[in-house]
Protein backbone atom coordinates (compact mmCIF):
# COMPACT_ATOMS: atom_id res chain seq x y z
CA UNK A 1 -49.61 -23.09 31.44
CA UNK A 2 -47.93 -19.59 31.12
CA UNK A 3 -49.19 -16.71 33.45
CA UNK A 4 -51.49 -14.09 32.28
CA UNK A 5 -49.85 -10.67 31.75
CA UNK A 6 -52.42 -8.74 33.48
CA UNK A 7 -51.89 -10.53 36.83
CA UNK A 8 -52.80 -8.56 39.70
CA UNK A 9 -49.97 -7.32 42.00
CA UNK A 10 -50.47 -7.76 45.62
CA UNK A 11 -48.24 -5.06 46.78
CA UNK A 12 -50.45 -1.75 45.44
CA UNK A 13 -53.84 -1.26 45.98
CA UNK A 14 -56.45 -1.83 43.27
CA UNK A 15 -57.85 0.73 41.30
CA UNK A 16 -61.01 2.27 42.44
CA UNK A 17 -64.21 0.61 40.66
CA UNK A 18 -67.29 2.35 39.80
CA UNK A 19 -68.43 5.97 40.32
CA UNK A 20 -65.91 8.07 42.75
CA UNK A 21 -67.63 11.37 44.13
CA UNK A 22 -64.70 13.90 44.90
CA UNK A 23 -65.60 17.13 47.00
CA UNK A 24 -63.44 19.87 47.27
CA UNK A 25 -63.38 20.77 51.16
CA UNK A 26 -62.86 24.28 50.53
CA UNK A 27 -65.55 24.73 48.12
CA UNK A 28 -67.81 22.69 50.38
CA UNK A 29 -66.87 24.97 53.29
CA UNK A 30 -67.59 27.99 51.28
CA UNK A 31 -70.73 26.79 50.42
CA UNK A 32 -71.75 25.63 53.93
CA UNK A 33 -70.63 29.49 54.96
CA UNK A 34 -72.88 31.01 52.66
CA UNK A 35 -75.75 28.89 53.62
CA UNK A 36 -75.05 29.22 57.11
CA UNK A 37 -75.26 33.19 56.73
CA UNK A 38 -78.47 32.64 54.57
CA UNK A 39 -79.96 31.14 57.61
CA UNK A 40 -79.24 33.72 60.06
CA UNK A 41 -80.94 36.39 57.98
CA UNK A 42 -84.36 38.18 58.10
CA UNK A 43 -84.98 37.30 54.66
CA UNK A 44 -84.80 33.54 55.29
CA UNK A 45 -86.90 34.14 58.36
CA UNK A 46 -89.28 35.83 56.36
CA UNK A 47 -89.85 33.27 53.57
CA UNK A 48 -89.73 30.25 56.04
CA UNK A 49 -92.59 32.03 57.76
CA UNK A 50 -94.71 32.63 54.86
CA UNK A 51 -94.15 29.17 53.72
CA UNK A 52 -95.31 27.85 57.21
CA UNK A 53 -98.38 30.16 56.98
CA UNK A 54 -99.33 28.90 53.50
CA UNK A 55 -98.61 25.51 54.49
CA UNK A 56 -100.89 25.50 57.49
CA UNK A 57 -103.66 27.61 56.00
CA UNK A 58 -103.61 25.23 53.00
CA UNK A 59 -103.95 22.01 55.13
CA UNK A 60 -106.90 23.40 57.37
CA UNK A 61 -108.91 25.16 54.90
CA UNK A 62 -108.64 23.66 51.47
CA UNK A 63 -110.17 20.14 51.75
CA UNK A 64 -109.21 18.85 48.43
CA UNK A 65 -105.39 19.95 48.85
CA UNK A 66 -104.77 18.28 52.45
CA UNK A 67 -101.26 16.47 52.08
CA UNK A 68 -100.73 17.19 55.86
CA UNK A 69 -103.84 16.86 58.03
CA UNK A 70 -103.83 18.80 61.44
CA UNK A 71 -100.91 17.68 63.94
CA UNK A 72 -98.98 18.54 60.54
CA UNK A 73 -96.29 15.89 60.95
CA UNK A 74 -94.64 16.37 57.55
CA UNK A 75 -94.29 19.90 58.38
CA UNK A 76 -92.65 18.84 61.67
CA UNK A 77 -90.42 16.29 59.68
CA UNK A 78 -89.39 19.15 57.16
CA UNK A 79 -88.38 21.35 60.21
CA UNK A 80 -86.31 18.21 61.71
CA UNK A 81 -84.58 17.58 58.19
CA UNK A 82 -83.76 21.57 58.09
CA UNK A 83 -82.35 21.50 61.53
CA UNK A 84 -80.49 18.04 61.03
CA UNK A 85 -78.73 19.63 58.05
CA UNK A 86 -78.72 23.66 59.29
CA UNK A 87 -76.91 22.64 62.69
CA UNK A 88 -73.59 20.69 61.14
CA UNK A 89 -73.43 23.31 58.48
CA UNK A 90 -73.60 26.32 60.98
CA UNK A 91 -70.96 24.44 63.22
CA UNK A 92 -68.53 23.61 60.19
CA UNK A 93 -68.95 27.63 59.00
CA UNK A 94 -67.78 28.28 62.80
CA UNK A 95 -65.31 26.06 62.77
CA UNK A 96 -63.79 27.29 59.61
CA UNK A 97 -64.08 30.90 60.91
CA UNK A 98 -62.33 29.67 64.14
CA UNK A 99 -59.41 28.58 61.83
CA UNK A 100 -59.23 31.91 60.29
CA UNK A 101 -59.49 33.77 63.57
CA UNK A 102 -56.34 31.52 64.92
CA UNK A 103 -54.31 32.12 61.79
CA UNK A 104 -55.14 35.93 62.34
CA UNK A 105 -54.15 35.46 65.98
CA UNK A 106 -50.94 33.97 65.04
CA UNK A 107 -49.80 36.43 62.66
CA UNK A 108 -50.88 39.25 65.08
CA UNK A 109 -48.85 37.85 67.77
CA UNK A 110 -45.91 37.60 65.12
CA UNK A 111 -46.58 41.01 64.12
CA UNK A 112 -46.64 42.26 67.86
CA UNK A 113 -43.47 40.32 69.01
CA UNK A 114 -41.49 42.08 65.88
CA UNK A 115 -43.00 45.47 66.85
CA UNK A 116 -41.63 44.77 70.36
CA UNK A 117 -38.35 43.77 69.18
CA UNK A 118 -38.08 46.78 66.74
CA UNK A 119 -39.08 49.31 69.35
CA UNK A 120 -36.72 47.68 72.04
CA UNK A 121 -33.91 48.18 69.44
CA UNK A 122 -34.63 51.61 68.47
CA UNK A 123 -35.00 52.39 72.43
CA UNK A 124 -31.34 51.08 72.76
CA UNK A 125 -30.12 52.98 69.46
CA UNK A 126 -31.87 56.16 71.08
CA UNK A 127 -30.10 55.59 74.37
CA UNK A 128 -26.50 54.99 72.62
CA UNK A 129 -27.19 58.23 70.46
CA UNK A 130 -28.11 60.19 73.68
CA UNK A 131 -24.76 59.05 75.35
CA UNK A 132 -22.86 59.88 72.35
CA UNK A 133 -24.36 63.23 71.97
CA UNK A 134 -23.62 63.70 75.65
CA UNK A 135 -19.96 63.22 74.93
CA UNK A 136 -19.73 65.15 71.72
CA UNK A 137 -19.09 69.02 71.92
CA UNK A 138 -22.22 70.64 71.00
CA UNK A 139 -22.18 74.21 69.17
CA UNK A 140 -23.05 76.21 72.32
CA UNK A 141 -20.15 74.41 74.02
CA UNK A 142 -17.74 75.53 71.31
CA UNK A 143 -18.85 79.12 71.17
CA UNK A 144 -18.79 79.51 74.75
CA UNK A 145 -15.00 78.05 74.59
CA UNK A 146 -14.09 80.20 71.53
CA UNK A 147 -15.52 83.26 73.48
CA UNK A 148 -13.40 82.53 76.57
CA UNK A 149 -10.37 82.18 74.05
CA UNK A 150 -11.21 85.57 72.67
CA UNK A 151 -11.47 87.14 75.86
CA UNK A 152 -8.30 85.59 76.87
CA UNK A 153 -6.56 87.13 74.10
CA UNK A 154 -7.93 90.45 74.06
CA UNK A 155 -7.16 90.59 77.54
CA UNK A 156 -3.27 89.51 76.62
CA UNK A 157 -3.46 91.94 74.13
CA UNK A 158 -4.41 94.81 76.46
CA UNK A 159 -2.05 94.01 78.81
CA UNK A 160 0.91 93.96 76.39
CA UNK A 161 0.13 97.35 75.24
CA UNK A 162 -0.33 98.41 78.58
CA UNK A 163 3.44 97.37 79.70
CA UNK A 164 6.33 99.62 79.04
CA UNK A 165 8.76 98.68 76.34
CA UNK A 166 11.55 97.47 77.86
CA UNK A 167 9.57 95.05 79.87
CA UNK A 168 8.54 93.61 76.52
CA UNK A 169 12.06 92.79 75.66
CA UNK A 170 12.92 91.47 78.80
CA UNK A 171 9.73 88.97 78.44
CA UNK A 172 11.02 88.00 75.08
CA UNK A 173 14.49 87.33 76.65
CA UNK A 174 13.30 85.27 79.58
CA UNK A 175 10.91 83.19 76.78
CA UNK A 176 14.07 82.50 74.60
CA UNK A 177 16.38 81.43 77.32
CA UNK A 178 13.72 79.19 78.95
């Protein structure tokens, strides 16, 4: 008997059957954060208080509308359900915030380390420039040296003018002979 062409392979998983619900974790996280933020507002507390007071008044006063008599078990069930969903959503929002804070802290640490390295590099460069400038002749130093040279030359010129003529010739002869 020939084998069927649509034979199932055992080395590969089967295709999923039926309805498959896919939830984007980021979208769900953003929705839970928005809900957690709303649960912590005065607006939510105002509306919740108004609903609870209306619930209690209607169940105490309106005899024909009593759907939840005095111990208000249905109201307690609603509060329990709200708390059962609110707590994990708030924790999820806090965890997402912690993750963002951790990433931000890591970036801040890296930025601080880079800034420290840059600062140390610039300090070393500044120290090297100070050392190099210390070895370079400054404008004031050169002016002082030129002034000394000018005064030495002017002194030599004055001395030469004061000597008699024959001593100048002897000085020249002595310079030539040496």
